[in-house]
PDB file of N, CA and C in Angstrom:
ATOM      1  N   MET A   1     112.120 112.408  76.818  1.00  0.00           N
ATOM      2  CA  MET A   1     112.124 111.892  78.170  1.00  0.00           C
ATOM      3  C   MET A   1     112.992 112.798  79.043  1.00  0.00           C
ATOM      4  N   THR A   2     112.504 113.116  80.220  1.00  0.00           N
ATOM      5  CA  THR A   2     113.217 113.978  81.142  1.00  0.00           C
ATOM      6  C   THR A   2     114.361 113.209  81.789  1.00  0.00           C
ATOM      7  N   LYS A   3     115.515 113.849  81.878  1.00  0.00           N
ATOM      8  CA  LYS A   3     116.675 113.213  82.509  1.00  0.00           C
ATOM      9  C   LYS A   3     116.512 113.239  84.026  1.00  0.00           C
ATOM     10  N   ARG A   4     116.739 112.100  84.663  1.00  0.00           N
ATOM     11  CA  ARG A   4     116.641 112.010  86.123  1.00  0.00           C
ATOM     12  C   ARG A   4     117.956 112.416  86.759  1.00  0.00           C
ATOM     13  N   THR A   5     117.867 113.026  87.922  1.00  0.00           N
ATOM     14  CA  THR A   5     119.056 113.355  88.701  1.00  0.00           C
ATOM     15  C   THR A   5     119.052 112.497  89.960  1.00  0.00           C
ATOM     16  N   VAL A   6     120.162 112.493  90.662  1.00  0.00           N
ATOM     17  CA  VAL A   6     120.264 111.718  91.897  1.00  0.00           C
ATOM     18  C   VAL A   6     119.204 112.171  92.898  1.00  0.00           C
ATOM     19  N   GLN A   7     118.886 113.452  92.920  1.00  0.00           N
ATOM     20  CA  GLN A   7     117.900 113.973  93.863  1.00  0.00           C
ATOM     21  C   GLN A   7     116.491 113.459  93.559  1.00  0.00           C
ATOM     22  N   ASP A   8     116.240 112.995  92.330  1.00  0.00           N
ATOM     23  CA  ASP A   8     114.920 112.501  91.941  1.00  0.00           C
ATOM     24  C   ASP A   8     114.660 111.068  92.390  1.00  0.00           C
ATOM     25  N   ILE A   9     115.679 110.373  92.838  1.00  0.00           N
ATOM     26  CA  ILE A   9     115.556 108.957  93.147  1.00  0.00           C
ATOM     27  C   ILE A   9     115.657 108.724  94.650  1.00  0.00           C
ATOM     28  N   ARG A  10     114.689 107.965  95.182  1.00  0.00           N
ATOM     29  CA  ARG A  10     114.720 107.573  96.591  1.00  0.00           C
ATOM     30  C   ARG A  10     114.830 106.065  96.653  1.00  0.00           C
ATOM     31  N   VAL A  11     115.570 105.562  97.599  1.00  0.00           N
ATOM     32  CA  VAL A  11     115.762 104.130  97.768  1.00  0.00           C
ATOM     33  C   VAL A  11     114.871 103.651  98.916  1.00  0.00           C
ATOM     34  N   HIS A  12     114.179 102.524  98.688  1.00  0.00           N
ATOM     35  CA  HIS A  12     113.322 101.938  99.717  1.00  0.00           C
ATOM     36  C   HIS A  12     113.719 100.482  99.912  1.00  0.00           C
ATOM     37  N   SER A  13     113.671 100.049 101.128  1.00  0.00           N
ATOM     38  CA  SER A  13     113.946  98.651 101.437  1.00  0.00           C
ATOM     39  C   SER A  13     112.611  97.931 101.588  1.00  0.00           C
ATOM     40  N   ILE A  14     112.503  96.768 100.956  1.00  0.00           N
ATOM     41  CA  ILE A  14     111.265  95.989 101.019  1.00  0.00           C
ATOM     42  C   ILE A  14     111.598  94.599 101.526  1.00  0.00           C
ATOM     43  N   GLY A  15     110.841  94.133 102.497  1.00  0.00           N
ATOM     44  CA  GLY A  15     111.020  92.778 103.000  1.00  0.00           C
ATOM     45  C   GLY A  15     109.974  91.851 102.404  1.00  0.00           C
ATOM     46  N   PHE A  16     110.403  90.656 102.017  1.00  0.00           N
ATOM     47  CA  PHE A  16     109.498  89.655 101.469  1.00  0.00           C
ATOM     48  C   PHE A  16     109.447  88.464 102.415  1.00  0.00           C
ATOM     49  N   ASP A  17     108.267  87.855 102.534  1.00  0.00           N
ATOM     50  CA  ASP A  17     108.242  86.588 103.250  1.00  0.00           C
ATOM     51  C   ASP A  17     108.869  85.537 102.337  1.00  0.00           C
ATOM     52  N   ARG A  18     109.226  84.403 102.885  1.00  0.00           N
ATOM     53  CA  ARG A  18     110.010  83.404 102.150  1.00  0.00           C
ATOM     54  C   ARG A  18     109.372  82.967 100.817  1.00  0.00           C
ATOM     55  N   PRO A  19     108.072  82.618 100.780  1.00  0.00           N
ATOM     56  CA  PRO A  19     107.506  82.187  99.492  1.00  0.00           C
ATOM     57  C   PRO A  19     107.568  83.279  98.425  1.00  0.00           C
ATOM     58  N   LEU A  20     107.300  84.515  98.801  1.00  0.00           N
ATOM     59  CA  LEU A  20     107.355  85.604  97.825  1.00  0.00           C
ATOM     60  C   LEU A  20     108.793  85.889  97.419  1.00  0.00           C
ATOM     61  N   ASP A  21     109.705  85.788  98.354  1.00  0.00           N
ATOM     62  CA  ASP A  21     111.124  85.975  98.072  1.00  0.00           C
ATOM     63  C   ASP A  21     111.606  84.976  97.021  1.00  0.00           C
ATOM     64  N   VAL A  22     111.236  83.722  97.195  1.00  0.00           N
ATOM     65  CA  VAL A  22     111.621  82.676  96.241  1.00  0.00           C
ATOM     66  C   VAL A  22     110.985  82.947  94.886  1.00  0.00           C
ATOM     67  N   TRP A  23     109.726  83.383  94.879  1.00  0.00           N
ATOM     68  CA  TRP A  23     109.027  83.659  93.627  1.00  0.00           C
ATOM     69  C   TRP A  23     109.693  84.813  92.875  1.00  0.00           C
ATOM     70  N   VAL A  24     110.046  85.882  93.570  1.00  0.00           N
ATOM     71  CA  VAL A  24     110.710  87.029  92.922  1.00  0.00           C
ATOM     72  C   VAL A  24     112.062  86.591  92.357  1.00  0.00           C
ATOM     73  N   ASP A  25     112.820  85.832  93.108  1.00  0.00           N
ATOM     74  CA  ASP A  25     114.101  85.334  92.594  1.00  0.00           C
ATOM     75  C   ASP A  25     113.901  84.468  91.357  1.00  0.00           C
ATOM     76  N   SER A  26     112.883  83.614  91.359  1.00  0.00           N
ATOM     77  CA  SER A  26     112.594  82.770  90.201  1.00  0.00           C
ATOM     78  C   SER A  26     112.202  83.611  88.994  1.00  0.00           C
ATOM     79  N   LEU A  27     111.433  84.657  89.233  1.00  0.00           N
ATOM     80  CA  LEU A  27     111.029  85.550  88.146  1.00  0.00           C
ATOM     81  C   LEU A  27     112.243  86.267  87.555  1.00  0.00           C
ATOM     82  N   VAL A  28     113.139  86.727  88.400  1.00  0.00           N
ATOM     83  CA  VAL A  28     114.364  87.385  87.932  1.00  0.00           C
ATOM     84  C   VAL A  28     115.198  86.404  87.112  1.00  0.00           C
ATOM     85  N   ASP A  29     115.356  85.179  87.594  1.00  0.00           N
ATOM     86  CA  ASP A  29     116.104  84.158  86.844  1.00  0.00           C
ATOM     87  C   ASP A  29     115.461  83.902  85.486  1.00  0.00           C
ATOM     88  N   PHE A  30     114.136  83.783  85.473  1.00  0.00           N
ATOM     89  CA  PHE A  30     113.408  83.552  84.227  1.00  0.00           C
ATOM     90  C   PHE A  30     113.648  84.690  83.233  1.00  0.00           C
ATOM     91  N   LEU A  31     113.553  85.926  83.706  1.00  0.00           N
ATOM     92  CA  LEU A  31     113.756  87.084  82.826  1.00  0.00           C
ATOM     93  C   LEU A  31     115.178  87.115  82.276  1.00  0.00           C
ATOM     94  N   ARG A  32     116.149  86.810  83.098  1.00  0.00           N
ATOM     95  CA  ARG A  32     117.544  86.782  82.633  1.00  0.00           C
ATOM     96  C   ARG A  32     117.734  85.704  81.570  1.00  0.00           C
ATOM     97  N   GLU A  33     117.166  84.525  81.805  1.00  0.00           N
ATOM     98  CA  GLU A  33     117.265  83.442  80.830  1.00  0.00           C
ATOM     99  C   GLU A  33     116.519  83.765  79.539  1.00  0.00           C
ATOM    100  N   ALA A  34     115.501  84.614  79.631  1.00  0.00           N
ATOM    101  CA  ALA A  34     114.703  84.996  78.468  1.00  0.00           C
ATOM    102  C   ALA A  34     115.335  86.147  77.684  1.00  0.00           C
ATOM    103  N   GLY A  35     116.523  86.577  78.090  1.00  0.00           N
ATOM    104  CA  GLY A  35     117.223  87.594  77.324  1.00  0.00           C
ATOM    105  C   GLY A  35     117.244  88.981  77.933  1.00  0.00           C
ATOM    106  N   PHE A  36     116.909  89.090  79.204  1.00  0.00           N
ATOM    107  CA  PHE A  36     116.951  90.377  79.894  1.00  0.00           C
ATOM    108  C   PHE A  36     118.044  90.306  80.964  1.00  0.00           C
ATOM    109  N   PRO A  37     119.308  90.458  80.554  1.00  0.00           N
ATOM    110  CA  PRO A  37     120.432  90.243  81.477  1.00  0.00           C
ATOM    111  C   PRO A  37     120.489  91.220  82.646  1.00  0.00           C
ATOM    112  N   LYS A  38     119.852  92.359  82.521  1.00  0.00           N
ATOM    113  CA  LYS A  38     119.903  93.352  83.602  1.00  0.00           C
ATOM    114  C   LYS A  38     118.696  93.253  84.538  1.00  0.00           C
ATOM    115  N   ALA A  39     117.873  92.222  84.344  1.00  0.00           N
ATOM    116  CA  ALA A  39     116.717  92.051  85.222  1.00  0.00           C
ATOM    117  C   ALA A  39     117.194  91.883  86.663  1.00  0.00           C
ATOM    118  N   GLY A  40     116.489  92.516  87.573  1.00  0.00           N
ATOM    119  CA  GLY A  40     116.839  92.427  88.984  1.00  0.00           C
ATOM    120  C   GLY A  40     115.604  92.638  89.839  1.00  0.00           C
ATOM    121  N   ARG A  41     115.751  92.367  91.113  1.00  0.00           N
ATOM    122  CA  ARG A  41     114.622  92.520  92.034  1.00  0.00           C
ATOM    123  C   ARG A  41     114.024  93.923  91.994  1.00  0.00           C
ATOM    124  N   SER A  42     114.873  94.935  92.040  1.00  0.00           N
ATOM    125  CA  SER A  42     114.355  96.303  92.087  1.00  0.00           C
ATOM    126  C   SER A  42     113.567  96.644  90.820  1.00  0.00           C
ATOM    127  N   GLU A  43     114.031  96.162  89.683  1.00  0.00           N
ATOM    128  CA  GLU A  43     113.314  96.426  88.428  1.00  0.00           C
ATOM    129  C   GLU A  43     111.969  95.712  88.413  1.00  0.00           C
ATOM    130  N   VAL A  44     111.943  94.474  88.902  1.00  0.00           N
ATOM    131  CA  VAL A  44     110.688  93.722  88.966  1.00  0.00           C
ATOM    132  C   VAL A  44     109.683  94.451  89.856  1.00  0.00           C
ATOM    133  N   VAL A  45     110.122  94.904  91.012  1.00  0.00           N
ATOM    134  CA  VAL A  45     109.228  95.615  91.934  1.00  0.00           C
ATOM    135  C   VAL A  45     108.797  96.945  91.342  1.00  0.00           C
ATOM    136  N   ARG A  46     109.713  97.669  90.705  1.00  0.00           N
ATOM    137  CA  ARG A  46     109.367  98.966  90.102  1.00  0.00           C
ATOM    138  C   ARG A  46     108.297  98.806  89.022  1.00  0.00           C
ATOM    139  N   VAL A  47     108.470  97.813  88.156  1.00  0.00           N
ATOM    140  CA  VAL A  47     107.494  97.578  87.087  1.00  0.00           C
ATOM    141  C   VAL A  47     106.148  97.158  87.675  1.00  0.00           C
ATOM    142  N   ALA A  48     106.176  96.324  88.718  1.00  0.00           N
ATOM    143  CA  ALA A  48     104.932  95.911  89.368  1.00  0.00           C
ATOM    144  C   ALA A  48     104.204  97.106  89.977  1.00  0.00           C
ATOM    145  N   LEU A  49     104.951  98.018  90.584  1.00  0.00           N
ATOM    146  CA  LEU A  49     104.326  99.220  91.159  1.00  0.00           C
ATOM    147  C   LEU A  49     103.753 100.120  90.072  1.00  0.00           C
ATOM    148  N   GLU A  50     104.445 100.240  88.944  1.00  0.00           N
ATOM    149  CA  GLU A  50     103.911 101.028  87.837  1.00  0.00           C
ATOM    150  C   GLU A  50     102.605 100.426  87.328  1.00  0.00           C
ATOM    151  N   GLN A  51     102.554  99.100  87.220  1.00  0.00           N
ATOM    152  CA  GLN A  51     101.329  98.433  86.767  1.00  0.00           C
ATOM    153  C   GLN A  51     100.203  98.628  87.772  1.00  0.00           C
ATOM    154  N   LEU A  52     100.516  98.532  89.065  1.00  0.00           N
ATOM    155  CA  LEU A  52      99.510  98.772  90.103  1.00  0.00           C
ATOM    156  C   LEU A  52      98.975 100.193  90.004  1.00  0.00           C
ATOM    157  N   LYS A  53      99.862 101.157  89.769  1.00  0.00           N
ATOM    158  CA  LYS A  53      99.431 102.554  89.629  1.00  0.00           C
ATOM    159  C   LYS A  53      98.481 102.700  88.450  1.00  0.00           C
ATOM    160  N   LYS A  54      98.806 102.091  87.303  1.00  0.00           N
ATOM    161  CA  LYS A  54      97.912 102.153  86.131  1.00  0.00           C
ATOM    162  C   LYS A  54      96.561 101.535  86.451  1.00  0.00           C
ATOM    163  N   THR A  55      96.578 100.407  87.156  1.00  0.00           N
ATOM    164  CA  THR A  55      95.331  99.727  87.503  1.00  0.00           C
ATOM    165  C   THR A  55      94.480 100.605  88.410  1.00  0.00           C
ATOM    166  N   VAL A  56      95.107 101.200  89.404  1.00  0.00           N
ATOM    167  CA  VAL A  56      94.380 102.062  90.337  1.00  0.00           C
ATOM    168  C   VAL A  56      93.848 103.289  89.618  1.00  0.00           C
ATOM    169  N   CYS A  57      94.625 103.857  88.729  1.00  0.00           N
ATOM    170  CA  CYS A  57      94.220 105.076  88.035  1.00  0.00           C
ATOM    171  C   CYS A  57      93.056 104.840  87.084  1.00  0.00           C
ATOM    172  N   HIS A  58      92.943 103.644  86.544  1.00  0.00           N
ATOM    173  CA  HIS A  58      91.891 103.366  85.567  1.00  0.00           C
ATOM    174  C   HIS A  58      90.693 102.639  86.162  1.00  0.00           C
ATOM    175  N   ALA A  59      90.770 102.276  87.426  1.00  0.00           N
ATOM    176  CA  ALA A  59      89.654 101.583  88.078  1.00  0.00           C
ATOM    177  C   ALA A  59      88.685 102.603  88.650  1.00  0.00           C
ATOM    178  N   SER A  60      87.439 102.250  88.641  1.00  0.00           N
ATOM    179  CA  SER A  60      86.472 103.131  89.299  1.00  0.00           C
ATOM    180  C   SER A  60      86.556 102.856  90.795  1.00  0.00           C
ATOM    181  N   ARG A  61      86.311 103.848  91.586  1.00  0.00           N
ATOM    182  CA  ARG A  61      86.479 103.709  93.034  1.00  0.00           C
ATOM    183  C   ARG A  61      85.673 102.567  93.652  1.00  0.00           C
ATOM    184  N   PRO A  62      84.437 102.306  93.207  1.00  0.00           N
ATOM    185  CA  PRO A  62      83.717 101.183  93.838  1.00  0.00           C
ATOM    186  C   PRO A  62      84.410  99.832  93.642  1.00  0.00           C
ATOM    187  N   HIS A  63      85.270  99.719  92.620  1.00  0.00           N
ATOM    188  CA  HIS A  63      85.938  98.451  92.357  1.00  0.00           C
ATOM    189  C   HIS A  63      87.316  98.348  93.022  1.00  0.00           C
ATOM    190  N   LEU A  64      87.764  99.401  93.656  1.00  0.00           N
ATOM    191  CA  LEU A  64      89.060  99.360  94.327  1.00  0.00           C
ATOM    192  C   LEU A  64      88.933  98.676  95.674  1.00  0.00           C
ATOM    193  N   PRO A  65      89.983  98.001  96.110  1.00  0.00           N
ATOM    194  CA  PRO A  65      89.963  97.451  97.471  1.00  0.00           C
ATOM    195  C   PRO A  65      89.791  98.586  98.476  1.00  0.00           C
ATOM    196  N   VAL A  66      89.185  98.286  99.596  1.00  0.00           N
ATOM    197  CA  VAL A  66      88.903  99.306 100.612  1.00  0.00           C
ATOM    198  C   VAL A  66      90.158 100.082 100.988  1.00  0.00           C
ATOM    199  N   SER A  67      91.280  99.405 101.135  1.00  0.00           N
ATOM    200  CA  SER A  67      92.508 100.087 101.552  1.00  0.00           C
ATOM    201  C   SER A  67      92.941 101.126 100.517  1.00  0.00           C
ATOM    202  N   LEU A  68      92.797 100.831  99.228  1.00  0.00           N
ATOM    203  CA  LEU A  68      93.178 101.794  98.194  1.00  0.00           C
ATOM    204  C   LEU A  68      92.158 102.918  98.075  1.00  0.00           C
ATOM    205  N   THR A  69      90.879 102.602  98.236  1.00  0.00           N
ATOM    206  CA  THR A  69      89.839 103.632  98.180  1.00  0.00           C
ATOM    207  C   THR A  69      90.070 104.663  99.277  1.00  0.00           C
ATOM    208  N   ALA A  70      90.389 104.194 100.478  1.00  0.00           N
ATOM    209  CA  ALA A  70      90.661 105.107 101.589  1.00  0.00           C
ATOM    210  C   ALA A  70      91.886 105.954 101.290  1.00  0.00           C
ATOM    211  N   GLY A  71      92.895 105.362 100.676  1.00  0.00           N
ATOM    212  CA  GLY A  71      94.104 106.107 100.333  1.00  0.00           C
ATOM    213  C   GLY A  71      93.822 107.238  99.369  1.00  0.00           C
ATOM    214  N   VAL A  72      92.961 106.996  98.377  1.00  0.00           N
ATOM    215  CA  VAL A  72      92.590 108.044  97.425  1.00  0.00           C
ATOM    216  C   VAL A  72      91.776 109.108  98.138  1.00  0.00           C
ATOM    217  N   ARG A  73      90.802 108.693  98.947  1.00  0.00           N
ATOM    218  CA  ARG A  73      89.919 109.630  99.633  1.00  0.00           C
ATOM    219  C   ARG A  73      90.684 110.559 100.566  1.00  0.00           C
ATOM    220  N   PHE A  74      91.689 110.040 101.280  1.00  0.00           N
ATOM    221  CA  PHE A  74      92.421 110.842 102.235  1.00  0.00           C
ATOM    222  C   PHE A  74      93.660 111.514 101.637  1.00  0.00           C
ATOM    223  N   GLY A  75      93.823 111.392 100.316  1.00  0.00           N
ATOM    224  CA  GLY A  75      94.926 112.088  99.655  1.00  0.00           C
ATOM    225  C   GLY A  75      96.267 111.391  99.764  1.00  0.00           C
ATOM    226  N   ILE A  76      96.292 110.175 100.283  1.00  0.00           N
ATOM    227  CA  ILE A  76      97.545 109.445 100.373  1.00  0.00           C
ATOM    228  C   ILE A  76      97.962 108.963  98.989  1.00  0.00           C
ATOM    229  N   LEU A  77      96.982 108.471  98.230  1.00  0.00           N
ATOM    230  CA  LEU A  77      97.215 108.077  96.839  1.00  0.00           C
ATOM    231  C   LEU A  77      96.669 109.184  95.950  1.00  0.00           C
ATOM    232  N   THR A  78      97.516 109.735  95.133  1.00  0.00           N
ATOM    233  CA  THR A  78      97.096 110.820  94.264  1.00  0.00           C
ATOM    234  C   THR A  78      96.485 110.246  92.994  1.00  0.00           C
ATOM    235  N   PRO A  79      95.291 110.715  92.633  1.00  0.00           N
ATOM    236  CA  PRO A  79      94.713 110.265  91.367  1.00  0.00           C
ATOM    237  C   PRO A  79      95.626 110.651  90.203  1.00  0.00           C
ATOM    238  N   CYS A  80      95.557 109.895  89.140  1.00  0.00           N
ATOM    239  CA  CYS A  80      96.443 110.144  87.991  1.00  0.00           C
ATOM    240  C   CYS A  80      95.975 111.332  87.171  1.00  0.00           C
TER     241      CYS A  80
END
């Protein structure tokens, strides 16, 4: 595994509406109670984005939502 440096990491701020905010907090609490003491919002979002990337990379373009298909077509989303 390649070692990451500070220059490799970018921080992003994400806003959640109230129902999603409560759901993410509940998920973090659940993970901590299930034995993952370092679970946090950023880790939950990072893992969700990784899963979304895998889904997009393995889906055929006709099955992608229009917004993602356009992103691939215009080079905003890089194919895997």
